[in-house]
């Protein structure tokens, strides 16, 4: 049960992390899996891609296909709505982390 609760909390953190990187520059899924791993999040493609598709369907990110070394890669970047949501999430996260660290 504890794992399920933590997973739900971390899913929100992961989405903020995705928006953060999507704002910096377009990324592809395999890169994001490695990036998240560096921060302690183990995520399989079967978990990440549905999350990316959900974020895309909500208008937070957009996908563009690009051919790299003869393979089609899907690159994700932030949208205007995603930037607005990211900014609000940053404010709320900052406020929360300040409070729980006191």
PDB file of N, CA and C in Angstrom:
ATOM      1  N   UNK A   1       0.825  -1.193   0.000  1.00  0.00           N
ATOM      2  CA  UNK A   1       0.000   0.000   0.000  1.00  0.00           C
ATOM      3  C   UNK A   1       0.873   1.263   0.000  1.00  0.00           C
ATOM      4  N   UNK A   2       1.931   1.254   0.775  1.00  0.00           N
ATOM      5  CA  UNK A   2       2.830   2.408   0.819  1.00  0.00           C
ATOM      6  C   UNK A   2       3.399   2.689  -0.564  1.00  0.00           C
ATOM      7  N   UNK A   3       3.775   1.644  -1.296  1.00  0.00           N
ATOM      8  CA  UNK A   3       4.312   1.823  -2.649  1.00  0.00           C
ATOM      9  C   UNK A   3       3.301   2.498  -3.564  1.00  0.00           C
ATOM     10  N   UNK A   4       2.031   2.128  -3.455  1.00  0.00           N
ATOM     11  CA  UNK A   4       0.999   2.733  -4.298  1.00  0.00           C
ATOM     12  C   UNK A   4       0.822   4.214  -3.983  1.00  0.00           C
ATOM     13  N   UNK A   5       0.873   4.541  -2.706  1.00  0.00           N
ATOM     14  CA  UNK A   5       0.719   5.941  -2.295  1.00  0.00           C
ATOM     15  C   UNK A   5       1.897   6.765  -2.802  1.00  0.00           C
ATOM     16  N   UNK A   6       3.110   6.261  -2.586  1.00  0.00           N
ATOM     17  CA  UNK A   6       4.296   6.979  -3.054  1.00  0.00           C
ATOM     18  C   UNK A   6       4.298   7.114  -4.573  1.00  0.00           C
ATOM     19  N   UNK A   7       3.889   6.060  -5.264  1.00  0.00           N
ATOM     20  CA  UNK A   7       3.843   6.095  -6.726  1.00  0.00           C
ATOM     21  C   UNK A   7       2.942   7.230  -7.212  1.00  0.00           C
ATOM     22  N   UNK A   8       1.808   7.393  -6.541  1.00  0.00           N
ATOM     23  CA  UNK A   8       0.879   8.457  -6.930  1.00  0.00           C
ATOM     24  C   UNK A   8       1.502   9.834  -6.695  1.00  0.00           C
ATOM     25  N   UNK A   9       2.184  10.031  -5.550  1.00  0.00           N
ATOM     26  CA  UNK A   9       2.870  11.295  -5.299  1.00  0.00           C
ATOM     27  C   UNK A   9       3.947  11.537  -6.344  1.00  0.00           C
ATOM     28  N   UNK A  10       4.761  10.529  -6.594  1.00  0.00           N
ATOM     29  CA  UNK A  10       5.887  10.676  -7.512  1.00  0.00           C
ATOM     30  C   UNK A  10       5.436  10.940  -8.937  1.00  0.00           C
ATOM     31  N   UNK A  11       4.272  10.442  -9.307  1.00  0.00           N
ATOM     32  CA  UNK A  11       3.762  10.681 -10.657  1.00  0.00           C
ATOM     33  C   UNK A  11       3.604  12.176 -10.915  1.00  0.00           C
ATOM     34  N   UNK A  12       3.147  12.912  -9.926  1.00  0.00           N
ATOM     35  CA  UNK A  12       3.046  14.366 -10.062  1.00  0.00           C
ATOM     36  C   UNK A  12       4.414  15.011 -10.207  1.00  0.00           C
ATOM     37  N   UNK A  13       5.383  14.547  -9.399  1.00  0.00           N
ATOM     38  CA  UNK A  13       6.747  15.074  -9.500  1.00  0.00           C
ATOM     39  C   UNK A  13       7.319  14.803 -10.885  1.00  0.00           C
ATOM     40  N   UNK A  14       7.076  13.604 -11.383  1.00  0.00           N
ATOM     41  CA  UNK A  14       7.594  13.213 -12.700  1.00  0.00           C
ATOM     42  C   UNK A  14       7.008  14.101 -13.792  1.00  0.00           C
ATOM     43  N   UNK A  15       5.727  14.402 -13.707  1.00  0.00           N
ATOM     44  CA  UNK A  15       5.108  15.261 -14.719  1.00  0.00           C
ATOM     45  C   UNK A  15       5.706  16.671 -14.686  1.00  0.00           C
ATOM     46  N   UNK A  16       5.981  17.180 -13.499  1.00  0.00           N
ATOM     47  CA  UNK A  16       6.633  18.487 -13.393  1.00  0.00           C
ATOM     48  C   UNK A  16       8.034  18.408 -13.998  1.00  0.00           C
ATOM     49  N   UNK A  17       8.727  17.314 -13.709  1.00  0.00           N
ATOM     50  CA  UNK A  17      10.070  17.113 -14.263  1.00  0.00           C
ATOM     51  C   UNK A  17      10.021  17.084 -15.792  1.00  0.00           C
ATOM     52  N   UNK A  18       9.036  16.390 -16.334  1.00  0.00           N
ATOM     53  CA  UNK A  18       8.872  16.314 -17.792  1.00  0.00           C
ATOM     54  C   UNK A  18       8.635  17.709 -18.368  1.00  0.00           C
ATOM     55  N   UNK A  19       7.745  18.475 -17.757  1.00  0.00           N
ATOM     56  CA  UNK A  19       7.475  19.828 -18.247  1.00  0.00           C
ATOM     57  C   UNK A  19       8.718  20.700 -18.168  1.00  0.00           C
ATOM     58  N   UNK A  20       9.460  20.561 -17.092  1.00  0.00           N
ATOM     59  CA  UNK A  20      10.698  21.334 -16.930  1.00  0.00           C
ATOM     60  C   UNK A  20      11.656  21.088 -18.102  1.00  0.00           C
ATOM     61  N   UNK A  21      11.873  19.818 -18.432  1.00  0.00           N
ATOM     62  CA  UNK A  21      12.803  19.507 -19.529  1.00  0.00           C
ATOM     63  C   UNK A  21      12.210  19.837 -20.888  1.00  0.00           C
ATOM     64  N   UNK A  22      10.909  19.686 -21.030  1.00  0.00           N
ATOM     65  CA  UNK A  22      10.261  20.019 -22.307  1.00  0.00           C
ATOM     66  C   UNK A  22      10.351  21.514 -22.586  1.00  0.00           C
ATOM     67  N   UNK A  23      10.472  22.303 -21.528  1.00  0.00           N
ATOM     68  CA  UNK A  23      10.633  23.748 -21.718  1.00  0.00           C
ATOM     69  C   UNK A  23      12.056  24.089 -22.134  1.00  0.00           C
ATOM     70  N   UNK A  24      13.026  23.357 -21.586  1.00  0.00           N
ATOM     71  CA  UNK A  24      14.435  23.626 -21.905  1.00  0.00           C
ATOM     72  C   UNK A  24      14.747  23.307 -23.358  1.00  0.00           C
ATOM     73  N   UNK A  25      14.318  22.121 -23.809  1.00  0.00           N
ATOM     74  CA  UNK A  25      14.531  21.703 -25.198  1.00  0.00           C
ATOM     75  C   UNK A  25      13.719  20.445 -25.472  1.00  0.00           C
ATOM     76  N   UNK A  26      13.381  20.197 -26.736  1.00  0.00           N
ATOM     77  CA  UNK A  26      12.647  18.976 -27.055  1.00  0.00           C
ATOM     78  C   UNK A  26      13.463  17.740 -26.645  1.00  0.00           C
ATOM     79  N   UNK A  27      12.760  16.716 -26.188  1.00  0.00           N
ATOM     80  CA  UNK A  27      13.418  15.476 -25.774  1.00  0.00           C
ATOM     81  C   UNK A  27      12.662  14.293 -26.355  1.00  0.00           C
ATOM     82  N   UNK A  28      13.303  13.126 -26.371  1.00  0.00           N
ATOM     83  CA  UNK A  28      12.635  11.891 -26.791  1.00  0.00           C
ATOM     84  C   UNK A  28      12.560  10.958 -25.589  1.00  0.00           C
ATOM     85  N   UNK A  29      11.663   9.985 -25.671  1.00  0.00           N
ATOM     86  CA  UNK A  29      11.326   9.147 -24.534  1.00  0.00           C
ATOM     87  C   UNK A  29      12.480   8.422 -23.889  1.00  0.00           C
ATOM     88  N   UNK A  30      13.347   7.790 -24.675  1.00  0.00           N
ATOM     89  CA  UNK A  30      14.468   7.043 -24.096  1.00  0.00           C
ATOM     90  C   UNK A  30      15.381   7.963 -23.302  1.00  0.00           C
ATOM     91  N   UNK A  31      15.577   9.185 -23.782  1.00  0.00           N
ATOM     92  CA  UNK A  31      16.384  10.146 -23.040  1.00  0.00           C
ATOM     93  C   UNK A  31      15.722  10.468 -21.699  1.00  0.00           C
ATOM     94  N   UNK A  32      14.396  10.667 -21.716  1.00  0.00           N
ATOM     95  CA  UNK A  32      13.685  11.015 -20.482  1.00  0.00           C
ATOM     96  C   UNK A  32      13.742   9.865 -19.481  1.00  0.00           C
ATOM     97  N   UNK A  33      13.675   8.638 -19.944  1.00  0.00           N
ATOM     98  CA  UNK A  33      13.788   7.492 -19.036  1.00  0.00           C
ATOM     99  C   UNK A  33      15.127   7.532 -18.317  1.00  0.00           C
ATOM    100  N   UNK A  34      16.199   7.818 -19.050  1.00  0.00           N
ATOM    101  CA  UNK A  34      17.535   7.909 -18.438  1.00  0.00           C
ATOM    102  C   UNK A  34      17.624   9.100 -17.488  1.00  0.00           C
ATOM    103  N   UNK A  35      17.053  10.227 -17.869  1.00  0.00           N
ATOM    104  CA  UNK A  35      17.058  11.422 -17.023  1.00  0.00           C
ATOM    105  C   UNK A  35      16.334  11.141 -15.711  1.00  0.00           C
ATOM    106  N   UNK A  36      15.181  10.526 -15.791  1.00  0.00           N
ATOM    107  CA  UNK A  36      14.423  10.223 -14.580  1.00  0.00           C
ATOM    108  C   UNK A  36      15.167   9.219 -13.697  1.00  0.00           C
ATOM    109  N   UNK A  37      15.854   8.283 -14.339  1.00  0.00           N
ATOM    110  CA  UNK A  37      16.630   7.289 -13.594  1.00  0.00           C
ATOM    111  C   UNK A  37      17.713   7.968 -12.755  1.00  0.00           C
ATOM    112  N   UNK A  38      18.319   9.016 -13.301  1.00  0.00           N
ATOM    113  CA  UNK A  38      19.346   9.763 -12.565  1.00  0.00           C
ATOM    114  C   UNK A  38      18.794  10.386 -11.284  1.00  0.00           C
ATOM    115  N   UNK A  39      17.487  10.570 -11.236  1.00  0.00           N
ATOM    116  CA  UNK A  39      16.845  11.169 -10.066  1.00  0.00           C
ATOM    117  C   UNK A  39      16.127  10.127  -9.213  1.00  0.00           C
ATOM    118  N   UNK A  40      16.394   8.856  -9.493  1.00  0.00           N
ATOM    119  CA  UNK A  40      15.844   7.787  -8.668  1.00  0.00           C
ATOM    120  C   UNK A  40      14.493   7.260  -9.088  1.00  0.00           C
ATOM    121  N   UNK A  41      14.001   7.675 -10.241  1.00  0.00           N
ATOM    122  CA  UNK A  41      12.711   7.190 -10.735  1.00  0.00           C
ATOM    123  C   UNK A  41      12.949   6.097 -11.772  1.00  0.00           C
ATOM    124  N   UNK A  42      12.556   4.881 -11.451  1.00  0.00           N
ATOM    125  CA  UNK A  42      12.645   3.776 -12.406  1.00  0.00           C
ATOM    126  C   UNK A  42      11.356   3.761 -13.224  1.00  0.00           C
ATOM    127  N   UNK A  43      11.470   4.018 -14.504  1.00  0.00           N
ATOM    128  CA  UNK A  43      10.285   4.098 -15.341  1.00  0.00           C
ATOM    129  C   UNK A  43      10.518   3.342 -16.636  1.00  0.00           C
ATOM    130  N   UNK A  44       9.603   2.457 -16.958  1.00  0.00           N
ATOM    131  CA  UNK A  44       9.705   1.684 -18.199  1.00  0.00           C
ATOM    132  C   UNK A  44       9.027   2.454 -19.331  1.00  0.00           C
ATOM    133  N   UNK A  45       9.343   2.104 -20.581  1.00  0.00           N
ATOM    134  CA  UNK A  45       8.639   2.733 -21.702  1.00  0.00           C
ATOM    135  C   UNK A  45       7.125   2.525 -21.615  1.00  0.00           C
ATOM    136  N   UNK A  46       6.713   1.375 -21.090  1.00  0.00           N
ATOM    137  CA  UNK A  46       5.285   1.077 -20.960  1.00  0.00           C
ATOM    138  C   UNK A  46       4.571   1.973 -19.962  1.00  0.00           C
ATOM    139  N   UNK A  47       5.336   2.635 -19.109  1.00  0.00           N
ATOM    140  CA  UNK A  47       4.766   3.597 -18.167  1.00  0.00           C
ATOM    141  C   UNK A  47       4.934   5.023 -18.690  1.00  0.00           C
ATOM    142  N   UNK A  48       6.116   5.321 -19.232  1.00  0.00           N
ATOM    143  CA  UNK A  48       6.390   6.690 -19.671  1.00  0.00           C
ATOM    144  C   UNK A  48       5.534   7.107 -20.865  1.00  0.00           C
ATOM    145  N   UNK A  49       5.458   6.274 -21.892  1.00  0.00           N
ATOM    146  CA  UNK A  49       4.769   6.719 -23.116  1.00  0.00           C
ATOM    147  C   UNK A  49       3.283   6.984 -22.900  1.00  0.00           C
ATOM    148  N   UNK A  50       2.564   6.158 -22.129  1.00  0.00           N
ATOM    149  CA  UNK A  50       1.168   6.535 -21.846  1.00  0.00           C
ATOM    150  C   UNK A  50       1.064   7.856 -21.080  1.00  0.00           C
ATOM    151  N   UNK A  51       2.035   8.113 -20.196  1.00  0.00           N
ATOM    152  CA  UNK A  51       2.044   9.377 -19.468  1.00  0.00           C
ATOM    153  C   UNK A  51       2.274  10.545 -20.436  1.00  0.00           C
ATOM    154  N   UNK A  52       3.235  10.392 -21.346  1.00  0.00           N
ATOM    155  CA  UNK A  52       3.483  11.436 -22.348  1.00  0.00           C
ATOM    156  C   UNK A  52       2.252  11.655 -23.227  1.00  0.00           C
ATOM    157  N   UNK A  53       1.608  10.567 -23.635  1.00  0.00           N
ATOM    158  CA  UNK A  53       0.407  10.691 -24.475  1.00  0.00           C
ATOM    159  C   UNK A  53      -0.714  11.400 -23.719  1.00  0.00           C
ATOM    160  N   UNK A  54      -0.838  11.101 -22.429  1.00  0.00           N
ATOM    161  CA  UNK A  54      -1.855  11.763 -21.612  1.00  0.00           C
ATOM    162  C   UNK A  54      -1.561  13.265 -21.495  1.00  0.00           C
ATOM    163  N   UNK A  55      -0.310  13.593 -21.258  1.00  0.00           N
ATOM    164  CA  UNK A  55       0.070  15.003 -21.162  1.00  0.00           C
ATOM    165  C   UNK A  55      -0.144  15.717 -22.494  1.00  0.00           C
ATOM    166  N   UNK A  56       0.110  15.005 -23.575  1.00  0.00           N
ATOM    167  CA  UNK A  56      -0.113  15.575 -24.907  1.00  0.00           C
ATOM    168  C   UNK A  56      -1.603  15.802 -25.146  1.00  0.00           C
ATOM    169  N   UNK A  57      -2.426  14.837 -24.776  1.00  0.00           N
ATOM    170  CA  UNK A  57      -3.874  14.980 -25.002  1.00  0.00           C
ATOM    171  C   UNK A  57      -4.476  16.100 -24.155  1.00  0.00           C
ATOM    172  N   UNK A  58      -3.817  16.432 -23.049  1.00  0.00           N
ATOM    173  CA  UNK A  58      -4.273  17.539 -22.200  1.00  0.00           C
ATOM    174  C   UNK A  58      -3.724  18.882 -22.675  1.00  0.00           C
ATOM    175  N   UNK A  59      -2.867  18.857 -23.689  1.00  0.00           N
ATOM    176  CA  UNK A  59      -2.338  20.087 -24.259  1.00  0.00           C
ATOM    177  C   UNK A  59      -1.134  20.651 -23.531  1.00  0.00           C
ATOM    178  N   UNK A  60      -0.476  19.835 -22.677  1.00  0.00           N
ATOM    179  CA  UNK A  60       0.686  20.312 -21.924  1.00  0.00           C
ATOM    180  C   UNK A  60       1.978  20.232 -22.732  1.00  0.00           C
ATOM    181  N   UNK A  61       2.067  19.226 -23.576  1.00  0.00           N
ATOM    182  CA  UNK A  61       3.231  19.036 -24.438  1.00  0.00           C
ATOM    183  C   UNK A  61       2.731  18.711 -25.842  1.00  0.00           C
ATOM    184  N   UNK A  62       3.618  18.867 -26.813  1.00  0.00           N
ATOM    185  CA  UNK A  62       3.277  18.458 -28.175  1.00  0.00           C
ATOM    186  C   UNK A  62       4.411  17.603 -28.709  1.00  0.00           C
ATOM    187  N   UNK A  63       4.069  16.715 -29.623  1.00  0.00           N
ATOM    188  CA  UNK A  63       5.018  15.769 -30.173  1.00  0.00           C
ATOM    189  C   UNK A  63       5.279  16.088 -31.634  1.00  0.00           C
ATOM    190  N   UNK A  64       6.539  15.925 -32.023  1.00  0.00           N
ATOM    191  CA  UNK A  64       6.937  16.121 -33.416  1.00  0.00           C
ATOM    192  C   UNK A  64       7.844  14.958 -33.784  1.00  0.00           C
ATOM    193  N   UNK A  65       7.550  14.308 -34.887  1.00  0.00           N
ATOM    194  CA  UNK A  65       8.396  13.208 -35.338  1.00  0.00           C
ATOM    195  C   UNK A  65       9.571  13.745 -36.127  1.00  0.00           C
ATOM    196  N   UNK A  66      10.730  13.124 -35.895  1.00  0.00           N
ATOM    197  CA  UNK A  66      11.949  13.532 -36.581  1.00  0.00           C
ATOM    198  C   UNK A  66      12.755  12.276 -36.880  1.00  0.00           C
ATOM    199  N   UNK A  67      13.307  12.186 -38.077  1.00  0.00           N
ATOM    200  CA  UNK A  67      14.133  11.043 -38.440  1.00  0.00           C
ATOM    201  C   UNK A  67      15.577  11.305 -38.036  1.00  0.00           C
ATOM    202  N   UNK A  68      16.116  10.361 -37.245  1.00  0.00           N
ATOM    203  CA  UNK A  68      17.492  10.450 -36.750  1.00  0.00           C
ATOM    204  C   UNK A  68      18.156   9.113 -37.035  1.00  0.00           C
ATOM    205  N   UNK A  69      19.236   9.137 -37.815  1.00  0.00           N
ATOM    206  CA  UNK A  69      19.953   7.902 -38.182  1.00  0.00           C
ATOM    207  C   UNK A  69      19.012   6.861 -38.784  1.00  0.00           C
ATOM    208  N   UNK A  70      18.090   7.318 -39.611  1.00  0.00           N
ATOM    209  CA  UNK A  70      17.179   6.423 -40.304  1.00  0.00           C
ATOM    210  C   UNK A  70      16.013   5.922 -39.457  1.00  0.00           C
ATOM    211  N   UNK A  71      15.934   6.364 -38.205  1.00  0.00           N
ATOM    212  CA  UNK A  71      14.842   5.951 -37.317  1.00  0.00           C
ATOM    213  C   UNK A  71      13.980   7.158 -36.984  1.00  0.00           C
ATOM    214  N   UNK A  72      12.677   6.919 -36.904  1.00  0.00           N
ATOM    215  CA  UNK A  72      11.765   7.997 -36.546  1.00  0.00           C
ATOM    216  C   UNK A  72      11.711   8.100 -35.023  1.00  0.00           C
ATOM    217  N   UNK A  73      12.025   9.285 -34.531  1.00  0.00           N
ATOM    218  CA  UNK A  73      11.958   9.559 -33.092  1.00  0.00           C
ATOM    219  C   UNK A  73      10.842  10.559 -32.843  1.00  0.00           C
ATOM    220  N   UNK A  74      10.178  10.387 -31.724  1.00  0.00           N
ATOM    221  CA  UNK A  74       9.154  11.333 -31.311  1.00  0.00           C
ATOM    222  C   UNK A  74       9.770  12.266 -30.278  1.00  0.00           C
ATOM    223  N   UNK A  75       9.806  13.544 -30.619  1.00  0.00           N
ATOM    224  CA  UNK A  75      10.337  14.560 -29.717  1.00  0.00           C
ATOM    225  C   UNK A  75       9.171  15.320 -29.091  1.00  0.00           C
ATOM    226  N   UNK A  76       9.309  15.598 -27.814  1.00  0.00           N
ATOM    227  CA  UNK A  76       8.267  16.290 -27.065  1.00  0.00           C
ATOM    228  C   UNK A  76       8.777  17.652 -26.617  1.00  0.00           C
ATOM    229  N   UNK A  77       7.903  18.655 -26.721  1.00  0.00           N
ATOM    230  CA  UNK A  77       8.239  19.991 -26.243  1.00  0.00           C
ATOM    231  C   UNK A  77       7.014  20.587 -25.572  1.00  0.00           C
ATOM    232  N   UNK A  78       7.250  21.571 -24.766  1.00  0.00           N
ATOM    233  CA  UNK A  78       6.180  22.178 -23.972  1.00  0.00           C
ATOM    234  C   UNK A  78       5.304  23.070 -24.840  1.00  0.00           C
ATOM    235  N   UNK A  79       4.057  23.225 -24.426  1.00  0.00           N
ATOM    236  CA  UNK A  79       3.125  24.146 -25.079  1.00  0.00           C
ATOM    237  C   UNK A  79       2.956  25.369 -24.184  1.00  0.00           C
ATOM    238  N   UNK A  80       2.203  26.346 -24.671  1.00  0.00           N
ATOM    239  CA  UNK A  80       1.922  27.536 -23.871  1.00  0.00           C
ATOM    240  C   UNK A  80       1.169  27.132 -22.600  1.00  0.00           C
ATOM    241  N   UNK A  81       0.185  26.249 -22.736  1.00  0.00           N
ATOM    242  CA  UNK A  81      -0.540  25.770 -21.558  1.00  0.00           C
ATOM    243  C   UNK A  81       0.407  25.051 -20.614  1.00  0.00           C
ATOM    244  N   UNK A  82       1.299  24.235 -21.147  1.00  0.00           N
ATOM    245  CA  UNK A  82       2.275  23.528 -20.321  1.00  0.00           C
ATOM    246  C   UNK A  82       3.158  24.490 -19.549  1.00  0.00           C
ATOM    247  N   UNK A  83       3.563  25.583 -20.179  1.00  0.00           N
ATOM    248  CA  UNK A  83       4.388  26.586 -19.493  1.00  0.00           C
ATOM    249  C   UNK A  83       3.621  27.233 -18.346  1.00  0.00           C
ATOM    250  N   UNK A  84       2.348  27.518 -18.573  1.00  0.00           N
ATOM    251  CA  UNK A  84       1.512  28.108 -17.530  1.00  0.00           C
ATOM    252  C   UNK A  84       1.364  27.144 -16.356  1.00  0.00           C
ATOM    253  N   UNK A  85       1.097  25.890 -16.657  1.00  0.00           N
ATOM    254  CA  UNK A  85       0.945  24.871 -15.614  1.00  0.00           C
ATOM    255  C   UNK A  85       2.268  24.678 -14.870  1.00  0.00           C
ATOM    256  N   UNK A  86       3.374  24.632 -15.594  1.00  0.00           N
ATOM    257  CA  UNK A  86       4.688  24.463 -14.969  1.00  0.00           C
ATOM    258  C   UNK A  86       4.972  25.611 -14.008  1.00  0.00           C
ATOM    259  N   UNK A  87       4.693  26.823 -14.405  1.00  0.00           N
ATOM    260  CA  UNK A  87       4.945  27.981 -13.545  1.00  0.00           C
ATOM    261  C   UNK A  87       4.117  27.887 -12.268  1.00  0.00           C
ATOM    262  N   UNK A  88       2.866  27.532 -12.391  1.00  0.00           N
ATOM    263  CA  UNK A  88       2.007  27.390 -11.213  1.00  0.00           C
ATOM    264  C   UNK A  88       2.489  26.239 -10.326  1.00  0.00           C
ATOM    265  N   UNK A  89       2.883  25.129 -10.934  1.00  0.00           N
ATOM    266  CA  UNK A  89       3.396  23.986 -10.175  1.00  0.00           C
ATOM    267  C   UNK A  89       4.677  24.362  -9.438  1.00  0.00           C
ATOM    268  N   UNK A  90       5.536  25.134 -10.065  1.00  0.00           N
ATOM    269  CA  UNK A  90       6.771  25.588  -9.414  1.00  0.00           C
ATOM    270  C   UNK A  90       6.467  26.405  -8.164  1.00  0.00           C
ATOM    271  N   UNK A  91       5.529  27.335  -8.292  1.00  0.00           N
ATOM    272  CA  UNK A  91       5.158  28.170  -7.149  1.00  0.00           C
ATOM    273  C   UNK A  91       4.631  27.314  -6.008  1.00  0.00           C
ATOM    274  N   UNK A  92       3.723  26.401  -6.329  1.00  0.00           N
ATOM    275  CA  UNK A  92       3.116  25.551  -5.299  1.00  0.00           C
ATOM    276  C   UNK A  92       4.155  24.621  -4.686  1.00  0.00           C
ATOM    277  N   UNK A  93       5.022  24.054  -5.508  1.00  0.00           N
ATOM    278  CA  UNK A  93       6.056  23.143  -5.001  1.00  0.00           C
ATOM    279  C   UNK A  93       7.020  23.899  -4.096  1.00  0.00           C
ATOM    280  N   UNK A  94       7.415  25.094  -4.502  1.00  0.00           N
ATOM    281  CA  UNK A  94       8.335  25.899  -3.704  1.00  0.00           C
ATOM    282  C   UNK A  94       7.719  26.214  -2.346  1.00  0.00           C
ATOM    283  N   UNK A  95       6.461  26.632  -2.362  1.00  0.00           N
ATOM    284  CA  UNK A  95       5.755  26.948  -1.122  1.00  0.00           C
ATOM    285  C   UNK A  95       5.665  25.715  -0.222  1.00  0.00           C
ATOM    286  N   UNK A  96       5.314  24.576  -0.790  1.00  0.00           N
ATOM    287  CA  UNK A  96       5.198  23.339  -0.024  1.00  0.00           C
ATOM    288  C   UNK A  96       6.540  22.912   0.556  1.00  0.00           C
ATOM    289  N   UNK A  97       7.589  22.904  -0.257  1.00  0.00           N
ATOM    290  CA  UNK A  97       8.894  22.468   0.217  1.00  0.00           C
ATOM    291  C   UNK A  97       9.447  23.395   1.288  1.00  0.00           C
ATOM    292  N   UNK A  98       9.186  24.690   1.164  1.00  0.00           N
ATOM    293  CA  UNK A  98       9.602  25.622   2.218  1.00  0.00           C
ATOM    294  C   UNK A  98       8.899  25.284   3.523  1.00  0.00           C
ATOM    295  N   UNK A  99       7.605  25.004   3.432  1.00  0.00           N
ATOM    296  CA  UNK A  99       6.817  24.707   4.634  1.00  0.00           C
ATOM    297  C   UNK A  99       7.257  23.403   5.295  1.00  0.00           C
ATOM    298  N   UNK A 100       7.452  22.353   4.508  1.00  0.00           N
ATOM    299  CA  UNK A 100       7.781  21.060   5.131  1.00  0.00           C
ATOM    300  C   UNK A 100       9.238  20.992   5.572  1.00  0.00           C
ATOM    301  N   UNK A 101      10.079  21.915   5.120  1.00  0.00           N
ATOM    302  CA  UNK A 101      11.468  21.952   5.565  1.00  0.00           C
ATOM    303  C   UNK A 101      11.671  22.802   6.816  1.00  0.00           C
ATOM    304  N   UNK A 102      10.648  23.531   7.221  1.00  0.00           N
ATOM    305  CA  UNK A 102      10.759  24.369   8.447  1.00  0.00           C
ATOM    306  C   UNK A 102      10.711  23.508   9.699  1.00  0.00           C
TER     307      UNK A 102
END
